[in-house]
Amino acid sequence: ERVRKRFAALVGADPDEAAFTKSVAEGLNAVAAAFPWRDGDNVVVCPDLEHPSNVYPWLRLQRVGGIEVRKVPARDGRMPVDRMVEAVDERTRLITVSTVSFAPGFRTDLAPLAEVCRRQGIFLLADGAQSVGMLHADVGRLGVDGLSVSTQKGLLGFYGMGLLYCRREWAERMHPAYVARFSIDLGGA
């Protein structure tokens, strides 16, 4: 609990909005699997600049769940935020992006994405592996609804552990793929 509370404080979240994972990939997959998808929904991503862990979950949903993956090409090694915003329509349910790109390592301007997501009720999911612990990562200021990180980079932890932030309003609408005794609130029982 101490680690979870410290992570939540680091990213400006409440402790009950933070969960342990094994990796960034597990956090991203947890959101993809729990998200309340509907037929015809789409997700926007720039595969050119994302780690495969932030591409494969969406391609899987495309294959097995009928979710459209809108692949926006990079522009000069930078995240094409304006093009990602242009790819949004009434069926867009999630935009996923790295806070700092996997390669070449540029920061992403999240503000335009956060603005369109808030305005249209779209979930903004960020891969924070390249930034959390190295750059200020306040989830409220960033405008993200989900943030998945690993501990082996900027958090100076070890391999095999990660953390996931999910904004409470969204978490309450999701249906986790895996549940167990301590993932269910029994109301003090």
Protein backbone atom coordinates (compact mmCIF):
# COMPACT_ATOMS: atom_id res chain seq x y z
CA GLU A 1 0.00 0.00 0.00
CA ARG A 2 2.88 2.36 0.73
CA VAL A 3 4.24 1.95 -2.82
CA ARG A 4 0.81 2.37 -4.39
CA LYS A 5 0.20 5.55 -2.36
CA ARG A 6 3.60 6.93 -3.30
CA PHE A 7 2.99 6.26 -7.00
CA ALA A 8 -0.44 7.91 -6.77
CA ALA A 9 1.11 10.95 -5.09
CA LEU A 10 3.84 11.10 -7.73
CA VAL A 11 1.31 11.27 -10.56
CA GLY A 12 -1.31 13.36 -8.75
CA ALA A 13 -3.90 10.60 -8.37
CA ASP A 14 -5.85 9.09 -5.52
CA PRO A 15 -4.44 5.78 -4.24
CA ASP A 16 -7.60 3.89 -5.24
CA GLU A 17 -6.98 4.98 -8.85
CA ALA A 18 -3.63 3.12 -8.91
CA ALA A 19 -3.02 -0.59 -9.41
CA PHE A 20 -0.01 -2.87 -9.62
CA THR A 21 0.83 -4.58 -12.89
CA LYS A 22 3.75 -6.65 -14.16
CA SER A 23 4.63 -4.21 -16.93
CA VAL A 24 3.50 -1.36 -19.13
CA ALA A 25 2.12 -3.97 -21.52
CA GLU A 26 -0.04 -5.53 -18.83
CA GLY A 27 -1.46 -2.13 -17.89
CA LEU A 28 -2.27 -1.27 -21.50
CA ASN A 29 -3.82 -4.70 -22.05
CA ALA A 30 -5.85 -4.39 -18.84
CA VAL A 31 -7.46 -1.22 -20.19
CA ALA A 32 -8.00 -2.73 -23.65
CA ALA A 33 -9.65 -5.84 -22.18
CA ALA A 34 -11.81 -4.01 -19.62
CA PHE A 35 -12.94 -1.13 -21.81
CA PRO A 36 -16.69 -0.98 -22.61
CA TRP A 37 -16.32 -1.36 -26.38
CA ARG A 38 -19.30 -1.20 -28.75
CA ASP A 39 -19.60 -2.43 -32.32
CA GLY A 40 -18.06 0.05 -34.74
CA ASP A 41 -15.79 1.75 -32.19
CA ASN A 42 -12.29 2.87 -33.11
CA VAL A 43 -9.00 3.61 -31.40
CA VAL A 44 -6.41 6.13 -32.66
CA VAL A 45 -2.68 5.36 -32.42
CA CYS A 46 0.62 6.25 -34.14
CA PRO A 47 2.31 2.83 -34.48
CA ASP A 48 5.48 4.34 -35.98
CA LEU A 49 6.47 5.87 -32.62
CA GLU A 50 4.97 3.44 -30.14
CA HIS A 51 6.59 0.49 -28.45
CA PRO A 52 4.95 -2.70 -29.79
CA SER A 53 3.32 -3.08 -26.37
CA ASN A 54 1.14 -0.10 -27.24
CA VAL A 55 0.27 -1.41 -30.70
CA TYR A 56 -0.43 -5.13 -30.33
CA PRO A 57 -3.38 -4.86 -27.89
CA TRP A 58 -5.24 -2.67 -30.37
CA LEU A 59 -4.44 -4.87 -33.36
CA ARG A 60 -5.74 -7.84 -31.37
CA LEU A 61 -8.99 -5.98 -30.71
CA GLN A 62 -9.24 -5.25 -34.40
CA ARG A 63 -8.84 -8.95 -35.21
CA VAL A 64 -11.09 -10.47 -32.55
CA GLY A 65 -13.35 -7.64 -31.45
CA GLY A 66 -14.13 -5.74 -34.61
CA ILE A 67 -12.59 -2.52 -33.31
CA GLU A 68 -11.14 -0.27 -36.01
CA VAL A 69 -7.53 0.79 -35.43
CA ARG A 70 -6.83 4.18 -36.98
CA LYS A 71 -3.09 4.21 -37.63
CA VAL A 72 -1.77 7.72 -37.96
CA PRO A 73 1.76 7.96 -39.48
CA ALA A 74 4.52 9.85 -37.67
CA ARG A 75 5.72 13.20 -38.93
CA ASP A 76 9.49 13.81 -38.92
CA GLY A 77 9.97 11.54 -35.90
CA ARG A 78 7.35 13.39 -33.90
CA MET A 79 3.93 12.39 -32.67
CA PRO A 80 1.41 13.77 -35.22
CA VAL A 81 -0.97 15.14 -32.60
CA ASP A 82 -2.88 17.32 -35.06
CA ARG A 83 -3.41 14.36 -37.41
CA MET A 84 -4.49 12.21 -34.49
CA VAL A 85 -7.11 14.81 -33.59
CA GLU A 86 -8.25 14.86 -37.24
CA ALA A 87 -8.67 11.05 -37.14
CA VAL A 88 -11.24 11.34 -34.34
CA ASP A 89 -14.91 10.92 -35.15
CA GLU A 90 -18.11 10.07 -33.28
CA ARG A 91 -17.04 6.40 -33.02
CA THR A 92 -13.61 7.09 -31.50
CA ARG A 93 -13.58 5.72 -27.96
CA LEU A 94 -9.87 5.73 -27.11
CA ILE A 95 -6.67 7.49 -28.12
CA THR A 96 -3.42 5.91 -27.00
CA VAL A 97 -0.05 7.64 -27.04
CA SER A 98 3.31 7.69 -25.30
CA THR A 99 4.13 10.69 -23.13
CA VAL A 100 7.63 10.42 -24.61
CA SER A 101 8.02 8.36 -27.77
CA PHE A 102 9.76 5.00 -27.63
CA ALA A 103 12.04 6.16 -30.44
CA PRO A 104 13.38 8.79 -31.04
CA GLY A 105 12.41 9.93 -27.53
CA PHE A 106 10.52 13.18 -28.14
CA ARG A 107 7.88 14.50 -25.75
CA THR A 108 4.30 14.36 -26.93
CA ASP A 109 2.15 17.49 -26.71
CA LEU A 110 -0.79 15.90 -24.91
CA ALA A 111 -2.87 19.08 -24.51
CA PRO A 112 -4.70 18.95 -27.88
CA LEU A 113 -5.43 15.25 -27.40
CA ALA A 114 -6.66 15.80 -23.85
CA GLU A 115 -8.90 18.63 -25.01
CA VAL A 116 -10.63 16.60 -27.73
CA CYS A 117 -10.91 13.59 -25.42
CA ARG A 118 -12.59 15.56 -22.64
CA ARG A 119 -14.90 17.33 -25.06
CA GLN A 120 -16.02 14.12 -26.80
CA GLY A 121 -15.89 11.61 -23.92
CA ILE A 122 -12.89 9.70 -25.31
CA PHE A 123 -10.47 7.81 -23.06
CA LEU A 124 -6.89 9.12 -23.31
CA LEU A 125 -4.43 6.35 -22.45
CA ALA A 126 -0.73 7.13 -22.06
CA ASP A 127 2.33 4.92 -21.96
CA GLY A 128 4.54 6.68 -19.42
CA ALA A 129 7.48 4.26 -19.49
CA GLN A 130 9.85 6.84 -20.94
CA SER A 131 8.82 9.72 -18.68
CA VAL A 132 7.41 8.86 -15.25
CA GLY A 133 10.11 9.36 -12.66
CA MET A 134 12.14 11.55 -15.02
CA LEU A 135 9.63 14.25 -15.96
CA HIS A 136 6.77 15.79 -14.03
CA ALA A 137 3.79 13.51 -14.66
CA ASP A 138 0.69 14.94 -13.00
CA VAL A 139 -2.24 13.08 -14.59
CA GLY A 140 -4.59 16.00 -14.05
CA ARG A 141 -2.27 18.45 -15.75
CA LEU A 142 -1.52 15.96 -18.54
CA GLY A 143 -5.24 15.33 -19.02
CA VAL A 144 -4.88 11.56 -19.28
CA ASP A 145 -7.50 9.05 -18.15
CA GLY A 146 -5.06 6.17 -17.95
CA LEU A 147 -1.29 5.97 -17.46
CA SER A 148 0.70 2.74 -17.58
CA VAL A 149 4.32 2.63 -16.39
CA SER A 150 7.06 0.17 -15.61
CA THR A 151 9.34 0.48 -12.62
CA GLN A 152 12.67 -0.42 -14.23
CA LYS A 153 13.27 2.95 -15.89
CA GLY A 154 12.61 6.32 -14.29
CA LEU A 155 11.15 4.83 -11.13
CA LEU A 156 14.47 3.04 -10.51
CA GLY A 157 12.76 -0.23 -9.68
CA PHE A 158 13.12 -3.66 -11.15
CA TYR A 159 11.84 -5.62 -14.12
CA GLY A 160 8.55 -7.43 -13.69
CA MET A 161 6.63 -4.65 -12.00
CA GLY A 162 4.52 -1.80 -13.27
CA LEU A 163 1.76 0.51 -12.17
CA LEU A 164 -1.45 1.63 -13.79
CA TYR A 165 -3.44 4.78 -13.10
CA CYS A 166 -7.07 4.84 -14.24
CA ARG A 167 -9.28 7.84 -13.57
CA ARG A 168 -12.06 6.76 -11.21
CA GLU A 169 -14.90 7.89 -13.50
CA TRP A 170 -13.62 5.58 -16.22
CA ALA A 171 -12.65 2.70 -13.92
CA GLU A 172 -16.23 2.52 -12.67
CA ARG A 173 -17.44 1.94 -16.27
CA MET A 174 -14.96 -0.84 -17.04
CA HIS A 175 -15.30 -4.58 -16.61
CA PRO A 176 -11.93 -6.16 -15.74
CA ALA A 177 -11.06 -9.36 -17.56
CA TYR A 178 -9.55 -10.85 -14.38
CA VAL A 179 -11.07 -10.54 -10.93
CA ALA A 180 -10.19 -12.05 -7.57
CA ARG A 181 -11.08 -11.54 -3.91
CA PHE A 182 -9.00 -8.41 -3.43
CA SER A 183 -10.13 -6.80 -6.67
CA ILE A 184 -13.73 -6.65 -5.40
CA ASP A 185 -14.95 -4.16 -2.81
CA LEU A 186 -17.09 -6.17 -0.41
CA GLY A 187 -18.00 -3.11 1.61
CA GLY A 188 -15.94 -3.87 4.72
CA ALA A 189 -16.70 -7.61 4.79
